[in-house]
């Protein structure tokens, strides 16, 4: 698997593992396992927001 640096572009996906959903990012970040797909997607959205905030700071 090709890993990108934490400063590179962030692309998130959600995957399922049994009855749990996980959010993952191309930067290597993985969210907690959730029973709710919506919560996993919310984790991914929060990660993207945080990544954009940190990228815009000098």
PDB file of N, CA and C in Angstrom:
ATOM      1  N   UNK A   1       0.838  -1.180   0.000  1.00  0.00           N
ATOM      2  CA  UNK A   1       0.000   0.000   0.000  1.00  0.00           C
ATOM      3  C   UNK A   1       0.879   1.238   0.000  1.00  0.00           C
ATOM      4  N   UNK A   2       0.550   2.199  -0.807  1.00  0.00           N
ATOM      5  CA  UNK A   2       1.315   3.439  -0.919  1.00  0.00           C
ATOM      6  C   UNK A   2       0.861   4.412   0.159  1.00  0.00           C
ATOM      7  N   UNK A   3       1.775   4.853   0.988  1.00  0.00           N
ATOM      8  CA  UNK A   3       1.425   5.815   2.034  1.00  0.00           C
ATOM      9  C   UNK A   3       1.825   7.215   1.602  1.00  0.00           C
ATOM     10  N   UNK A   4       0.971   8.188   1.938  1.00  0.00           N
ATOM     11  CA  UNK A   4       1.286   9.578   1.672  1.00  0.00           C
ATOM     12  C   UNK A   4       1.662  10.228   2.989  1.00  0.00           C
ATOM     13  N   UNK A   5       2.395  11.312   2.909  1.00  0.00           N
ATOM     14  CA  UNK A   5       2.770  12.017   4.122  1.00  0.00           C
ATOM     15  C   UNK A   5       1.556  12.702   4.725  1.00  0.00           C
ATOM     16  N   UNK A   6       1.676  13.083   5.996  1.00  0.00           N
ATOM     17  CA  UNK A   6       0.577  13.756   6.682  1.00  0.00           C
ATOM     18  C   UNK A   6       0.275  15.115   6.046  1.00  0.00           C
ATOM     19  N   UNK A   7       1.224  15.667   5.289  1.00  0.00           N
ATOM     20  CA  UNK A   7       1.006  16.959   4.654  1.00  0.00           C
ATOM     21  C   UNK A   7       0.460  16.817   3.241  1.00  0.00           C
ATOM     22  N   UNK A   8       0.363  15.592   2.733  1.00  0.00           N
ATOM     23  CA  UNK A   8      -0.158  15.366   1.388  1.00  0.00           C
ATOM     24  C   UNK A   8      -1.675  15.441   1.370  1.00  0.00           C
ATOM     25  N   UNK A   9      -2.252  15.193   0.214  1.00  0.00           N
ATOM     26  CA  UNK A   9      -3.708  15.245   0.116  1.00  0.00           C
ATOM     27  C   UNK A   9      -4.358  14.152   0.962  1.00  0.00           C
ATOM     28  N   UNK A  10      -5.498  14.486   1.519  1.00  0.00           N
ATOM     29  CA  UNK A  10      -6.229  13.550   2.364  1.00  0.00           C
ATOM     30  C   UNK A  10      -7.469  13.074   1.621  1.00  0.00           C
ATOM     31  N   UNK A  11      -7.633  11.768   1.524  1.00  0.00           N
ATOM     32  CA  UNK A  11      -8.805  11.153   0.907  1.00  0.00           C
ATOM     33  C   UNK A  11      -9.293  10.072   1.857  1.00  0.00           C
ATOM     34  N   UNK A  12     -10.512  10.210   2.330  1.00  0.00           N
ATOM     35  CA  UNK A  12     -11.037   9.264   3.304  1.00  0.00           C
ATOM     36  C   UNK A  12     -11.998   8.275   2.669  1.00  0.00           C
ATOM     37  N   UNK A  13     -12.080   7.116   3.281  1.00  0.00           N
ATOM     38  CA  UNK A  13     -13.033   6.083   2.904  1.00  0.00           C
ATOM     39  C   UNK A  13     -13.553   5.452   4.187  1.00  0.00           C
ATOM     40  N   UNK A  14     -14.647   4.756   4.077  1.00  0.00           N
ATOM     41  CA  UNK A  14     -15.121   3.953   5.194  1.00  0.00           C
ATOM     42  C   UNK A  14     -15.130   2.503   4.747  1.00  0.00           C
ATOM     43  N   UNK A  15     -14.734   1.631   5.642  1.00  0.00           N
ATOM     44  CA  UNK A  15     -14.728   0.207   5.364  1.00  0.00           C
ATOM     45  C   UNK A  15     -15.468  -0.503   6.482  1.00  0.00           C
ATOM     46  N   UNK A  16     -15.924  -1.704   6.188  1.00  0.00           N
ATOM     47  CA  UNK A  16     -16.631  -2.481   7.186  1.00  0.00           C
ATOM     48  C   UNK A  16     -15.809  -3.696   7.570  1.00  0.00           C
ATOM     49  N   UNK A  17     -15.817  -3.966   8.847  1.00  0.00           N
ATOM     50  CA  UNK A  17     -15.133  -5.139   9.381  1.00  0.00           C
ATOM     51  C   UNK A  17     -16.119  -5.799  10.334  1.00  0.00           C
ATOM     52  N   UNK A  18     -16.787  -6.832   9.854  1.00  0.00           N
ATOM     53  CA  UNK A  18     -17.838  -7.458  10.645  1.00  0.00           C
ATOM     54  C   UNK A  18     -18.994  -6.491  10.815  1.00  0.00           C
ATOM     55  N   UNK A  19     -19.413  -6.278  12.050  1.00  0.00           N
ATOM     56  CA  UNK A  19     -20.527  -5.351  12.293  1.00  0.00           C
ATOM     57  C   UNK A  19     -20.046  -3.936  12.595  1.00  0.00           C
ATOM     58  N   UNK A  20     -18.773  -3.674  12.361  1.00  0.00           N
ATOM     59  CA  UNK A  20     -18.206  -2.356  12.644  1.00  0.00           C
ATOM     60  C   UNK A  20     -17.791  -1.651  11.362  1.00  0.00           C
ATOM     61  N   UNK A  21     -17.852  -0.316  11.384  1.00  0.00           N
ATOM     62  CA  UNK A  21     -17.403   0.519  10.271  1.00  0.00           C
ATOM     63  C   UNK A  21     -16.216   1.345  10.758  1.00  0.00           C
ATOM     64  N   UNK A  22     -15.228   1.518   9.895  1.00  0.00           N
ATOM     65  CA  UNK A  22     -14.038   2.311  10.217  1.00  0.00           C
ATOM     66  C   UNK A  22     -13.818   3.355   9.149  1.00  0.00           C
ATOM     67  N   UNK A  23     -13.370   4.512   9.562  1.00  0.00           N
ATOM     68  CA  UNK A  23     -12.963   5.550   8.618  1.00  0.00           C
ATOM     69  C   UNK A  23     -11.449   5.463   8.480  1.00  0.00           C
ATOM     70  N   UNK A  24     -10.968   5.612   7.261  1.00  0.00           N
ATOM     71  CA  UNK A  24      -9.525   5.580   6.991  1.00  0.00           C
ATOM     72  C   UNK A  24      -9.171   6.709   6.051  1.00  0.00           C
ATOM     73  N   UNK A  25      -7.916   7.143   6.131  1.00  0.00           N
ATOM     74  CA  UNK A  25      -7.424   8.213   5.268  1.00  0.00           C
ATOM     75  C   UNK A  25      -6.133   7.767   4.599  1.00  0.00           C
ATOM     76  N   UNK A  26      -5.842   8.350   3.444  1.00  0.00           N
ATOM     77  CA  UNK A  26      -4.611   8.015   2.725  1.00  0.00           C
ATOM     78  C   UNK A  26      -3.368   8.452   3.482  1.00  0.00           C
ATOM     79  N   UNK A  27      -3.513   9.345   4.492  1.00  0.00           N
ATOM     80  CA  UNK A  27      -2.354   9.791   5.266  1.00  0.00           C
ATOM     81  C   UNK A  27      -1.952   8.764   6.324  1.00  0.00           C
ATOM     82  N   UNK A  28      -2.781   7.714   6.515  1.00  0.00           N
ATOM     83  CA  UNK A  28      -2.471   6.688   7.500  1.00  0.00           C
ATOM     84  C   UNK A  28      -3.370   6.736   8.721  1.00  0.00           C
ATOM     85  N   UNK A  29      -4.167   7.785   8.857  1.00  0.00           N
ATOM     86  CA  UNK A  29      -5.084   7.919   9.989  1.00  0.00           C
ATOM     87  C   UNK A  29      -6.198   6.885   9.882  1.00  0.00           C
ATOM     88  N   UNK A  30      -6.579   6.317  11.019  1.00  0.00           N
ATOM     89  CA  UNK A  30      -7.718   5.410  11.097  1.00  0.00           C
ATOM     90  C   UNK A  30      -8.571   5.812  12.283  1.00  0.00           C
ATOM     91  N   UNK A  31      -9.846   5.957  12.070  1.00  0.00           N
ATOM     92  CA  UNK A  31     -10.764   6.304  13.142  1.00  0.00           C
ATOM     93  C   UNK A  31     -11.143   5.078  13.958  1.00  0.00           C
ATOM     94  N   UNK A  32     -11.851   5.305  15.052  1.00  0.00           N
ATOM     95  CA  UNK A  32     -12.275   4.184  15.881  1.00  0.00           C
ATOM     96  C   UNK A  32     -13.353   3.347  15.186  1.00  0.00           C
ATOM     97  N   UNK A  33     -13.450   2.084  15.563  1.00  0.00           N
ATOM     98  CA  UNK A  33     -14.495   1.215  15.030  1.00  0.00           C
ATOM     99  C   UNK A  33     -15.838   1.669  15.584  1.00  0.00           C
ATOM    100  N   UNK A  34     -16.811   1.789  14.700  1.00  0.00           N
ATOM    101  CA  UNK A  34     -18.146   2.255  15.081  1.00  0.00           C
ATOM    102  C   UNK A  34     -19.185   1.257  14.589  1.00  0.00           C
ATOM    103  N   UNK A  35     -20.254   1.102  15.332  1.00  0.00           N
ATOM    104  CA  UNK A  35     -21.378   0.288  14.862  1.00  0.00           C
ATOM    105  C   UNK A  35     -22.219   1.072  13.856  1.00  0.00           C
ATOM    106  N   UNK A  36     -22.143   2.384  13.892  1.00  0.00           N
ATOM    107  CA  UNK A  36     -22.914   3.243  13.000  1.00  0.00           C
ATOM    108  C   UNK A  36     -22.040   3.726  11.844  1.00  0.00           C
ATOM    109  N   UNK A  37     -22.493   3.473  10.626  1.00  0.00           N
ATOM    110  CA  UNK A  37     -21.765   3.969   9.455  1.00  0.00           C
ATOM    111  C   UNK A  37     -21.745   5.495   9.443  1.00  0.00           C
ATOM    112  N   UNK A  38     -22.861   6.101   9.880  1.00  0.00           N
ATOM    113  CA  UNK A  38     -22.921   7.567   9.930  1.00  0.00           C
ATOM    114  C   UNK A  38     -21.862   8.130  10.862  1.00  0.00           C
ATOM    115  N   UNK A  39     -21.639   7.499  11.994  1.00  0.00           N
ATOM    116  CA  UNK A  39     -20.606   7.968  12.931  1.00  0.00           C
ATOM    117  C   UNK A  39     -19.214   7.815  12.314  1.00  0.00           C
ATOM    118  N   UNK A  40     -18.979   6.733  11.587  1.00  0.00           N
ATOM    119  CA  UNK A  40     -17.684   6.543  10.925  1.00  0.00           C
ATOM    120  C   UNK A  40     -17.474   7.628   9.869  1.00  0.00           C
ATOM    121  N   UNK A  41     -18.522   7.955   9.114  1.00  0.00           N
ATOM    122  CA  UNK A  41     -18.409   9.033   8.115  1.00  0.00           C
ATOM    123  C   UNK A  41     -18.179  10.382   8.795  1.00  0.00           C
ATOM    124  N   UNK A  42     -18.827  10.594   9.942  1.00  0.00           N
ATOM    125  CA  UNK A  42     -18.617  11.843  10.698  1.00  0.00           C
ATOM    126  C   UNK A  42     -17.177  11.929  11.194  1.00  0.00           C
ATOM    127  N   UNK A  43     -16.605  10.795  11.615  1.00  0.00           N
ATOM    128  CA  UNK A  43     -15.195  10.771  12.023  1.00  0.00           C
ATOM    129  C   UNK A  43     -14.298  11.176  10.856  1.00  0.00           C
ATOM    130  N   UNK A  44     -14.600  10.664   9.657  1.00  0.00           N
ATOM    131  CA  UNK A  44     -13.812  10.998   8.463  1.00  0.00           C
ATOM    132  C   UNK A  44     -13.930  12.486   8.146  1.00  0.00           C
ATOM    133  N   UNK A  45     -15.140  13.016   8.227  1.00  0.00           N
ATOM    134  CA  UNK A  45     -15.335  14.450   7.968  1.00  0.00           C
ATOM    135  C   UNK A  45     -14.568  15.301   8.982  1.00  0.00           C
ATOM    136  N   UNK A  46     -14.596  14.895  10.237  1.00  0.00           N
ATOM    137  CA  UNK A  46     -13.870  15.637  11.274  1.00  0.00           C
ATOM    138  C   UNK A  46     -12.363  15.581  11.012  1.00  0.00           C
ATOM    139  N   UNK A  47     -11.869  14.441  10.563  1.00  0.00           N
ATOM    140  CA  UNK A  47     -10.443  14.321  10.244  1.00  0.00           C
ATOM    141  C   UNK A  47     -10.071  15.261   9.107  1.00  0.00           C
ATOM    142  N   UNK A  48     -10.899  15.307   8.061  1.00  0.00           N
ATOM    143  CA  UNK A  48     -10.607  16.195   6.933  1.00  0.00           C
ATOM    144  C   UNK A  48     -10.609  17.657   7.363  1.00  0.00           C
ATOM    145  N   UNK A  49     -11.552  18.027   8.202  1.00  0.00           N
ATOM    146  CA  UNK A  49     -11.621  19.406   8.702  1.00  0.00           C
ATOM    147  C   UNK A  49     -10.370  19.741   9.506  1.00  0.00           C
ATOM    148  N   UNK A  50      -9.960  18.821  10.370  1.00  0.00           N
ATOM    149  CA  UNK A  50      -8.757  19.028  11.182  1.00  0.00           C
ATOM    150  C   UNK A  50      -7.515  19.113  10.303  1.00  0.00           C
ATOM    151  N   UNK A  51      -7.429  18.248   9.305  1.00  0.00           N
ATOM    152  CA  UNK A  51      -6.274  18.249   8.405  1.00  0.00           C
ATOM    153  C   UNK A  51      -6.195  19.552   7.620  1.00  0.00           C
ATOM    154  N   UNK A  52      -7.341  20.062   7.160  1.00  0.00           N
ATOM    155  CA  UNK A  52      -7.355  21.320   6.412  1.00  0.00           C
ATOM    156  C   UNK A  52      -6.960  22.483   7.317  1.00  0.00           C
ATOM    157  N   UNK A  53      -7.410  22.466   8.563  1.00  0.00           N
ATOM    158  CA  UNK A  53      -7.077  23.519   9.509  1.00  0.00           C
ATOM    159  C   UNK A  53      -5.572  23.547   9.769  1.00  0.00           C
ATOM    160  N   UNK A  54      -4.995  22.372   9.989  1.00  0.00           N
ATOM    161  CA  UNK A  54      -3.562  22.300  10.252  1.00  0.00           C
ATOM    162  C   UNK A  54      -2.737  22.659   9.023  1.00  0.00           C
ATOM    163  N   UNK A  55      -3.232  22.320   7.845  1.00  0.00           N
ATOM    164  CA  UNK A  55      -2.503  22.639   6.615  1.00  0.00           C
ATOM    165  C   UNK A  55      -2.492  24.126   6.325  1.00  0.00           C
ATOM    166  N   UNK A  56      -3.524  24.848   6.751  1.00  0.00           N
ATOM    167  CA  UNK A  56      -3.597  26.271   6.461  1.00  0.00           C
ATOM    168  C   UNK A  56      -2.833  27.120   7.475  1.00  0.00           C
ATOM    169  N   UNK A  57      -2.410  26.521   8.587  1.00  0.00           N
ATOM    170  CA  UNK A  57      -1.661  27.269   9.594  1.00  0.00           C
ATOM    171  C   UNK A  57      -0.186  27.299   9.207  1.00  0.00           C
ATOM    172  N   UNK A  58       0.471  28.451   9.414  1.00  0.00           N
ATOM    173  CA  UNK A  58       1.898  28.550   9.041  1.00  0.00           C
ATOM    174  C   UNK A  58       2.796  27.765   9.957  1.00  0.00           C
TER     175      UNK A  58
END
